[in-house]
Amino acid sequence: MPLLMKPLRQQNNRPVITYKPRVEPAPPSHAWRVDGFNDVWLLNNKYVAFVLVGDAFRQSPAFTLPDAAQRWATQIRQENEIS
């Protein structure tokens, strides 16, 4: 009885998907500003940061903690050299 070998697994050549922030004209009107944070808004029970880059706002992914959203906003400001 010959020994049957499994075929080699196919290489995973799919590109890695990275997060690209959404560009918004303004924070949505149904979002609530979070007190004590510069860029954090409460949207659908999640914390989202909006940072003005150029002439449009960049929206962060949704976070469960407002500190995390503010850290994202601070990082975006540093990367784009916005004060």
PDB file of N, CA and C in Angstrom:
ATOM      1  N   MET A   1       0.851  -1.179   0.000  1.00  0.00           N
ATOM      2  CA  MET A   1       0.000   0.000   0.000  1.00  0.00           C
ATOM      3  C   MET A   1       0.896   1.240   0.000  1.00  0.00           C
ATOM      4  N   PRO A   2       0.809   2.071  -1.057  1.00  0.00           N
ATOM      5  CA  PRO A   2       1.693   3.243  -1.120  1.00  0.00           C
ATOM      6  C   PRO A   2       1.284   4.292  -0.086  1.00  0.00           C
ATOM      7  N   LEU A   3       2.272   4.998   0.392  1.00  0.00           N
ATOM      8  CA  LEU A   3       2.037   6.043   1.378  1.00  0.00           C
ATOM      9  C   LEU A   3       1.575   7.305   0.651  1.00  0.00           C
ATOM     10  N   LEU A   4       0.341   7.759   0.919  1.00  0.00           N
ATOM     11  CA  LEU A   4      -0.194   8.937   0.255  1.00  0.00           C
ATOM     12  C   LEU A   4       0.149  10.174   1.077  1.00  0.00           C
ATOM     13  N   MET A   5       0.697  11.157   0.395  1.00  0.00           N
ATOM     14  CA  MET A   5       1.058  12.404   1.083  1.00  0.00           C
ATOM     15  C   MET A   5      -0.009  13.465   0.816  1.00  0.00           C
ATOM     16  N   LYS A   6      -0.257  14.244   1.811  1.00  0.00           N
ATOM     17  CA  LYS A   6      -1.192  15.350   1.629  1.00  0.00           C
ATOM     18  C   LYS A   6      -0.536  16.397   0.733  1.00  0.00           C
ATOM     19  N   PRO A   7      -1.330  17.034  -0.123  1.00  0.00           N
ATOM     20  CA  PRO A   7      -0.738  18.106  -0.933  1.00  0.00           C
ATOM     21  C   PRO A   7      -0.318  19.268  -0.029  1.00  0.00           C
ATOM     22  N   LEU A   8       0.689  19.989  -0.457  1.00  0.00           N
ATOM     23  CA  LEU A   8       1.147  21.131   0.319  1.00  0.00           C
ATOM     24  C   LEU A   8       0.045  22.183   0.386  1.00  0.00           C
ATOM     25  N   ARG A   9      -0.037  22.831   1.526  1.00  0.00           N
ATOM     26  CA  ARG A   9      -1.031  23.895   1.658  1.00  0.00           C
ATOM     27  C   ARG A   9      -0.672  25.040   0.739  1.00  0.00           C
ATOM     28  N   GLN A  10      -1.696  25.649   0.189  1.00  0.00           N
ATOM     29  CA  GLN A  10      -1.481  26.774  -0.707  1.00  0.00           C
ATOM     30  C   GLN A  10      -1.028  27.995   0.102  1.00  0.00           C
ATOM     31  N   GLN A  11      -0.047  28.689  -0.426  1.00  0.00           N
ATOM     32  CA  GLN A  11       0.443  29.885   0.243  1.00  0.00           C
ATOM     33  C   GLN A  11      -0.656  30.940   0.339  1.00  0.00           C
ATOM     34  N   ASN A  12      -0.682  31.615   1.444  1.00  0.00           N
ATOM     35  CA  ASN A  12      -1.651  32.690   1.622  1.00  0.00           C
ATOM     36  C   ASN A  12      -1.037  33.973   1.068  1.00  0.00           C
ATOM     37  N   ASN A  13      -1.412  34.329  -0.146  1.00  0.00           N
ATOM     38  CA  ASN A  13      -0.832  35.493  -0.804  1.00  0.00           C
ATOM     39  C   ASN A  13      -1.742  36.709  -0.779  1.00  0.00           C
ATOM     40  N   ARG A  14      -2.789  36.641   0.031  1.00  0.00           N
ATOM     41  CA  ARG A  14      -3.696  37.791   0.088  1.00  0.00           C
ATOM     42  C   ARG A  14      -3.005  38.958   0.786  1.00  0.00           C
ATOM     43  N   PRO A  15      -3.257  40.167   0.307  1.00  0.00           N
ATOM     44  CA  PRO A  15      -2.602  41.327   0.937  1.00  0.00           C
ATOM     45  C   PRO A  15      -3.138  41.558   2.346  1.00  0.00           C
ATOM     46  N   VAL A  16      -2.305  42.122   3.184  1.00  0.00           N
ATOM     47  CA  VAL A  16      -2.706  42.454   4.538  1.00  0.00           C
ATOM     48  C   VAL A  16      -3.557  43.719   4.471  1.00  0.00           C
ATOM     49  N   ILE A  17      -4.721  43.667   5.095  1.00  0.00           N
ATOM     50  CA  ILE A  17      -5.621  44.817   5.086  1.00  0.00           C
ATOM     51  C   ILE A  17      -5.284  45.681   6.294  1.00  0.00           C
ATOM     52  N   THR A  18      -4.996  46.939   6.060  1.00  0.00           N
ATOM     53  CA  THR A  18      -4.710  47.849   7.159  1.00  0.00           C
ATOM     54  C   THR A  18      -5.877  48.812   7.314  1.00  0.00           C
ATOM     55  N   TYR A  19      -5.994  49.366   8.499  1.00  0.00           N
ATOM     56  CA  TYR A  19      -7.091  50.288   8.769  1.00  0.00           C
ATOM     57  C   TYR A  19      -6.777  51.635   8.148  1.00  0.00           C
ATOM     58  N   LYS A  20      -7.674  52.133   7.339  1.00  0.00           N
ATOM     59  CA  LYS A  20      -7.540  53.466   6.749  1.00  0.00           C
ATOM     60  C   LYS A  20      -8.658  54.315   7.340  1.00  0.00           C
ATOM     61  N   PRO A  21      -8.295  55.372   8.080  1.00  0.00           N
ATOM     62  CA  PRO A  21      -9.339  56.168   8.724  1.00  0.00           C
ATOM     63  C   PRO A  21     -10.324  56.750   7.717  1.00  0.00           C
ATOM     64  N   ARG A  22     -11.586  56.768   8.098  1.00  0.00           N
ATOM     65  CA  ARG A  22     -12.605  57.375   7.249  1.00  0.00           C
ATOM     66  C   ARG A  22     -12.416  58.882   7.265  1.00  0.00           C
ATOM     67  N   VAL A  23     -12.747  59.506   6.173  1.00  0.00           N
ATOM     68  CA  VAL A  23     -12.683  60.963   6.088  1.00  0.00           C
ATOM     69  C   VAL A  23     -14.114  61.481   6.101  1.00  0.00           C
ATOM     70  N   GLU A  24     -14.395  62.347   7.055  1.00  0.00           N
ATOM     71  CA  GLU A  24     -15.751  62.864   7.235  1.00  0.00           C
ATOM     72  C   GLU A  24     -15.732  64.387   7.105  1.00  0.00           C
ATOM     73  N   PRO A  25     -16.813  64.988   6.601  1.00  0.00           N
ATOM     74  CA  PRO A  25     -16.858  66.451   6.537  1.00  0.00           C
ATOM     75  C   PRO A  25     -16.979  67.087   7.918  1.00  0.00           C
ATOM     76  N   ALA A  26     -17.601  66.373   8.865  1.00  0.00           N
ATOM     77  CA  ALA A  26     -17.767  66.858  10.237  1.00  0.00           C
ATOM     78  C   ALA A  26     -18.226  65.687  11.097  1.00  0.00           C
ATOM     79  N   PRO A  27     -17.995  65.761  12.409  1.00  0.00           N
ATOM     80  CA  PRO A  27     -18.560  64.710  13.273  1.00  0.00           C
ATOM     81  C   PRO A  27     -20.075  64.667  13.099  1.00  0.00           C
ATOM     82  N   PRO A  28     -20.676  63.481  13.129  1.00  0.00           N
ATOM     83  CA  PRO A  28     -22.128  63.390  12.914  1.00  0.00           C
ATOM     84  C   PRO A  28     -22.916  64.132  13.986  1.00  0.00           C
ATOM     85  N   SER A  29     -24.058  64.617  13.592  1.00  0.00           N
ATOM     86  CA  SER A  29     -24.872  65.423  14.512  1.00  0.00           C
ATOM     87  C   SER A  29     -25.426  64.591  15.662  1.00  0.00           C
ATOM     88  N   HIS A  30     -25.544  63.275  15.497  1.00  0.00           N
ATOM     89  CA  HIS A  30     -26.089  62.447  16.570  1.00  0.00           C
ATOM     90  C   HIS A  30     -25.005  61.945  17.521  1.00  0.00           C
ATOM     91  N   ALA A  31     -23.751  62.376  17.339  1.00  0.00           N
ATOM     92  CA  ALA A  31     -22.669  62.009  18.259  1.00  0.00           C
ATOM     93  C   ALA A  31     -22.646  62.997  19.426  1.00  0.00           C
ATOM     94  N   TRP A  32     -22.296  62.484  20.612  1.00  0.00           N
ATOM     95  CA  TRP A  32     -22.228  63.319  21.812  1.00  0.00           C
ATOM     96  C   TRP A  32     -20.774  63.548  22.171  1.00  0.00           C
ATOM     97  N   ARG A  33     -20.407  64.782  22.412  1.00  0.00           N
ATOM     98  CA  ARG A  33     -19.039  65.110  22.821  1.00  0.00           C
ATOM     99  C   ARG A  33     -18.795  64.574  24.227  1.00  0.00           C
ATOM    100  N   VAL A  34     -17.612  63.987  24.454  1.00  0.00           N
ATOM    101  CA  VAL A  34     -17.284  63.422  25.767  1.00  0.00           C
ATOM    102  C   VAL A  34     -16.530  64.482  26.568  1.00  0.00           C
ATOM    103  N   ASP A  35     -17.056  64.816  27.752  1.00  0.00           N
ATOM    104  CA  ASP A  35     -16.426  65.832  28.607  1.00  0.00           C
ATOM    105  C   ASP A  35     -15.034  65.378  29.040  1.00  0.00           C
ATOM    106  N   GLY A  36     -14.103  66.313  29.047  1.00  0.00           N
ATOM    107  CA  GLY A  36     -12.748  66.026  29.507  1.00  0.00           C
ATOM    108  C   GLY A  36     -11.817  65.536  28.412  1.00  0.00           C
ATOM    109  N   PHE A  37     -12.319  65.371  27.197  1.00  0.00           N
ATOM    110  CA  PHE A  37     -11.491  64.919  26.080  1.00  0.00           C
ATOM    111  C   PHE A  37     -11.643  65.894  24.925  1.00  0.00           C
ATOM    112  N   ASN A  38     -10.540  66.158  24.227  1.00  0.00           N
ATOM    113  CA  ASN A  38     -10.574  67.133  23.136  1.00  0.00           C
ATOM    114  C   ASN A  38     -11.259  66.599  21.886  1.00  0.00           C
ATOM    115  N   ASP A  39     -10.952  65.361  21.524  1.00  0.00           N
ATOM    116  CA  ASP A  39     -11.352  64.848  20.205  1.00  0.00           C
ATOM    117  C   ASP A  39     -12.315  63.670  20.264  1.00  0.00           C
ATOM    118  N   VAL A  40     -12.827  63.328  21.442  1.00  0.00           N
ATOM    119  CA  VAL A  40     -13.604  62.092  21.605  1.00  0.00           C
ATOM    120  C   VAL A  40     -15.101  62.377  21.627  1.00  0.00           C
ATOM    121  N   TRP A  41     -15.830  61.559  20.891  1.00  0.00           N
ATOM    122  CA  TRP A  41     -17.284  61.657  20.804  1.00  0.00           C
ATOM    123  C   TRP A  41     -17.868  60.291  21.111  1.00  0.00           C
ATOM    124  N   LEU A  42     -19.083  60.263  21.673  1.00  0.00           N
ATOM    125  CA  LEU A  42     -19.800  59.017  21.939  1.00  0.00           C
ATOM    126  C   LEU A  42     -20.738  58.766  20.768  1.00  0.00           C
ATOM    127  N   LEU A  43     -20.521  57.654  20.095  1.00  0.00           N
ATOM    128  CA  LEU A  43     -21.274  57.340  18.882  1.00  0.00           C
ATOM    129  C   LEU A  43     -21.678  55.867  18.952  1.00  0.00           C
ATOM    130  N   ASN A  44     -22.967  55.581  18.997  1.00  0.00           N
ATOM    131  CA  ASN A  44     -23.479  54.204  19.087  1.00  0.00           C
ATOM    132  C   ASN A  44     -22.864  53.450  20.268  1.00  0.00           C
ATOM    133  N   ASN A  45     -22.802  54.112  21.425  1.00  0.00           N
ATOM    134  CA  ASN A  45     -22.262  53.528  22.657  1.00  0.00           C
ATOM    135  C   ASN A  45     -20.798  53.122  22.550  1.00  0.00           C
ATOM    136  N   LYS A  46     -20.071  53.695  21.629  1.00  0.00           N
ATOM    137  CA  LYS A  46     -18.622  53.483  21.501  1.00  0.00           C
ATOM    138  C   LYS A  46     -17.961  54.844  21.454  1.00  0.00           C
ATOM    139  N   TYR A  47     -16.691  54.876  21.806  1.00  0.00           N
ATOM    140  CA  TYR A  47     -15.945  56.130  21.771  1.00  0.00           C
ATOM    141  C   TYR A  47     -15.184  56.232  20.456  1.00  0.00           C
ATOM    142  N   VAL A  48     -15.386  57.346  19.759  1.00  0.00           N
ATOM    143  CA  VAL A  48     -14.775  57.573  18.453  1.00  0.00           C
ATOM    144  C   VAL A  48     -14.097  58.933  18.491  1.00  0.00           C
ATOM    145  N   ALA A  49     -12.883  59.009  17.919  1.00  0.00           N
ATOM    146  CA  ALA A  49     -12.174  60.283  17.853  1.00  0.00           C
ATOM    147  C   ALA A  49     -12.313  60.871  16.454  1.00  0.00           C
ATOM    148  N   PHE A  50     -12.443  62.176  16.388  1.00  0.00           N
ATOM    149  CA  PHE A  50     -12.465  62.905  15.121  1.00  0.00           C
ATOM    150  C   PHE A  50     -11.348  63.935  15.173  1.00  0.00           C
ATOM    151  N   VAL A  51     -10.452  63.900  14.168  1.00  0.00           N
ATOM    152  CA  VAL A  51      -9.337  64.841  14.110  1.00  0.00           C
ATOM    153  C   VAL A  51      -9.399  65.558  12.773  1.00  0.00           C
ATOM    154  N   LEU A  52      -9.333  66.884  12.811  1.00  0.00           N
ATOM    155  CA  LEU A  52      -9.364  67.672  11.586  1.00  0.00           C
ATOM    156  C   LEU A  52      -7.983  67.627  10.937  1.00  0.00           C
ATOM    157  N   VAL A  53      -7.911  66.994   9.759  1.00  0.00           N
ATOM    158  CA  VAL A  53      -6.674  66.909   8.985  1.00  0.00           C
ATOM    159  C   VAL A  53      -6.953  67.579   7.645  1.00  0.00           C
ATOM    160  N   GLY A  54      -6.298  68.697   7.405  1.00  0.00           N
ATOM    161  CA  GLY A  54      -6.577  69.446   6.181  1.00  0.00           C
ATOM    162  C   GLY A  54      -7.967  70.055   6.260  1.00  0.00           C
ATOM    163  N   ASP A  55      -8.820  69.691   5.307  1.00  0.00           N
ATOM    164  CA  ASP A  55     -10.173  70.255   5.296  1.00  0.00           C
ATOM    165  C   ASP A  55     -11.244  69.225   5.622  1.00  0.00           C
ATOM    166  N   ALA A  56     -10.840  68.061   6.170  1.00  0.00           N
ATOM    167  CA  ALA A  56     -11.821  67.016   6.522  1.00  0.00           C
ATOM    168  C   ALA A  56     -11.416  66.345   7.829  1.00  0.00           C
ATOM    169  N   PHE A  57     -12.399  65.765   8.490  1.00  0.00           N
ATOM    170  CA  PHE A  57     -12.144  65.048   9.734  1.00  0.00           C
ATOM    171  C   PHE A  57     -11.778  63.598   9.435  1.00  0.00           C
ATOM    172  N   ARG A  58     -10.822  63.067  10.210  1.00  0.00           N
ATOM    173  CA  ARG A  58     -10.520  61.637  10.138  1.00  0.00           C
ATOM    174  C   ARG A  58     -11.169  60.977  11.342  1.00  0.00           C
ATOM    175  N   GLN A  59     -11.858  59.869  11.084  1.00  0.00           N
ATOM    176  CA  GLN A  59     -12.587  59.162  12.146  1.00  0.00           C
ATOM    177  C   GLN A  59     -11.808  57.933  12.561  1.00  0.00           C
ATOM    178  N   SER A  60     -11.673  57.751  13.853  1.00  0.00           N
ATOM    179  CA  SER A  60     -10.960  56.587  14.384  1.00  0.00           C
ATOM    180  C   SER A  60     -11.852  55.354  14.336  1.00  0.00           C
ATOM    181  N   PRO A  61     -11.258  54.175  14.561  1.00  0.00           N
ATOM    182  CA  PRO A  61     -12.111  53.006  14.798  1.00  0.00           C
ATOM    183  C   PRO A  61     -12.859  53.204  16.125  1.00  0.00           C
ATOM    184  N   ALA A  62     -13.856  52.390  16.378  1.00  0.00           N
ATOM    185  CA  ALA A  62     -14.624  52.509  17.622  1.00  0.00           C
ATOM    186  C   ALA A  62     -13.847  51.876  18.769  1.00  0.00           C
ATOM    187  N   PHE A  63     -13.774  52.566  19.889  1.00  0.00           N
ATOM    188  CA  PHE A  63     -13.077  52.075  21.077  1.00  0.00           C
ATOM    189  C   PHE A  63     -14.069  51.918  22.220  1.00  0.00           C
ATOM    190  N   THR A  64     -13.720  51.062  23.185  1.00  0.00           N
ATOM    191  CA  THR A  64     -14.579  50.889  24.357  1.00  0.00           C
ATOM    192  C   THR A  64     -14.196  51.857  25.472  1.00  0.00           C
ATOM    193  N   LEU A  65     -12.994  52.456  25.402  1.00  0.00           N
ATOM    194  CA  LEU A  65     -12.551  53.415  26.411  1.00  0.00           C
ATOM    195  C   LEU A  65     -12.262  54.767  25.760  1.00  0.00           C
ATOM    196  N   PRO A  66     -12.674  55.862  26.395  1.00  0.00           N
ATOM    197  CA  PRO A  66     -12.399  57.169  25.803  1.00  0.00           C
ATOM    198  C   PRO A  66     -10.901  57.485  25.739  1.00  0.00           C
ATOM    199  N   ASP A  67     -10.118  56.958  26.703  1.00  0.00           N
ATOM    200  CA  ASP A  67      -8.662  57.206  26.699  1.00  0.00           C
ATOM    201  C   ASP A  67      -8.028  56.658  25.428  1.00  0.00           C
ATOM    202  N   ALA A  68      -8.483  55.490  24.982  1.00  0.00           N
ATOM    203  CA  ALA A  68      -7.919  54.864  23.785  1.00  0.00           C
ATOM    204  C   ALA A  68      -8.211  55.719  22.553  1.00  0.00           C
ATOM    205  N   ALA A  69      -9.417  56.254  22.463  1.00  0.00           N
ATOM    206  CA  ALA A  69      -9.767  57.109  21.329  1.00  0.00           C
ATOM    207  C   ALA A  69      -8.928  58.390  21.353  1.00  0.00           C
ATOM    208  N   GLN A  70      -8.708  58.945  22.547  1.00  0.00           N
ATOM    209  CA  GLN A  70      -7.896  60.164  22.642  1.00  0.00           C
ATOM    210  C   GLN A  70      -6.446  59.874  22.278  1.00  0.00           C
ATOM    211  N   ARG A  71      -5.929  58.699  22.669  1.00  0.00           N
ATOM    212  CA  ARG A  71      -4.552  58.326  22.286  1.00  0.00           C
ATOM    213  C   ARG A  71      -4.433  58.221  20.774  1.00  0.00           C
ATOM    214  N   TRP A  72      -5.461  57.638  20.117  1.00  0.00           N
ATOM    215  CA  TRP A  72      -5.457  57.538  18.652  1.00  0.00           C
ATOM    216  C   TRP A  72      -5.404  58.941  18.047  1.00  0.00           C
ATOM    217  N   ALA A  73      -6.225  59.840  18.576  1.00  0.00           N
ATOM    218  CA  ALA A  73      -6.276  61.210  18.061  1.00  0.00           C
ATOM    219  C   ALA A  73      -4.925  61.905  18.243  1.00  0.00           C
ATOM    220  N   THR A  74      -4.300  61.706  19.397  1.00  0.00           N
ATOM    221  CA  THR A  74      -2.990  62.307  19.661  1.00  0.00           C
ATOM    222  C   THR A  74      -1.957  61.786  18.682  1.00  0.00           C
ATOM    223  N   GLN A  75      -2.005  60.489  18.412  1.00  0.00           N
ATOM    224  CA  GLN A  75      -1.061  59.884  17.465  1.00  0.00           C
ATOM    225  C   GLN A  75      -1.268  60.460  16.059  1.00  0.00           C
ATOM    226  N   ILE A  76      -2.512  60.609  15.631  1.00  0.00           N
ATOM    227  CA  ILE A  76      -2.805  61.173  14.302  1.00  0.00           C
ATOM    228  C   ILE A  76      -2.308  62.622  14.232  1.00  0.00           C
ATOM    229  N   ARG A  77      -2.503  63.369  15.316  1.00  0.00           N
ATOM    230  CA  ARG A  77      -2.024  64.760  15.349  1.00  0.00           C
ATOM    231  C   ARG A  77      -0.496  64.806  15.221  1.00  0.00           C
ATOM    232  N   GLN A  78       0.197  63.881  15.903  1.00  0.00           N
ATOM    233  CA  GLN A  78       1.660  63.852  15.828  1.00  0.00           C
ATOM    234  C   GLN A  78       2.136  63.461  14.437  1.00  0.00           C
ATOM    235  N   GLU A  79       1.487  62.456  13.842  1.00  0.00           N
ATOM    236  CA  GLU A  79       1.878  62.004  12.506  1.00  0.00           C
ATOM    237  C   GLU A  79       1.682  63.111  11.462  1.00  0.00           C
ATOM    238  N   ASN A  80       0.639  63.908  11.629  1.00  0.00           N
ATOM    239  CA  ASN A  80       0.340  64.973  10.667  1.00  0.00           C
ATOM    240  C   ASN A  80       0.828  66.337  11.139  1.00  0.00           C
ATOM    241  N   GLU A  81       1.525  66.345  12.273  1.00  0.00           N
ATOM    242  CA  GLU A  81       2.089  67.568  12.839  1.00  0.00           C
ATOM    243  C   GLU A  81       1.046  68.665  13.003  1.00  0.00           C
ATOM    244  N   ILE A  82      -0.064  68.276  13.635  1.00  0.00           N
ATOM    245  CA  ILE A  82      -1.148  69.219  13.927  1.00  0.00           C
ATOM    246  C   ILE A  82      -1.083  69.543  15.416  1.00  0.00           C
ATOM    247  N   SER A  83      -1.231  70.794  15.763  1.00  0.00           N
ATOM    248  CA  SER A  83      -1.164  71.145  17.193  1.00  0.00           C
ATOM    249  C   SER A  83      -2.510  71.016  17.860  1.00  0.00           C
TER     250      SER A  83
END
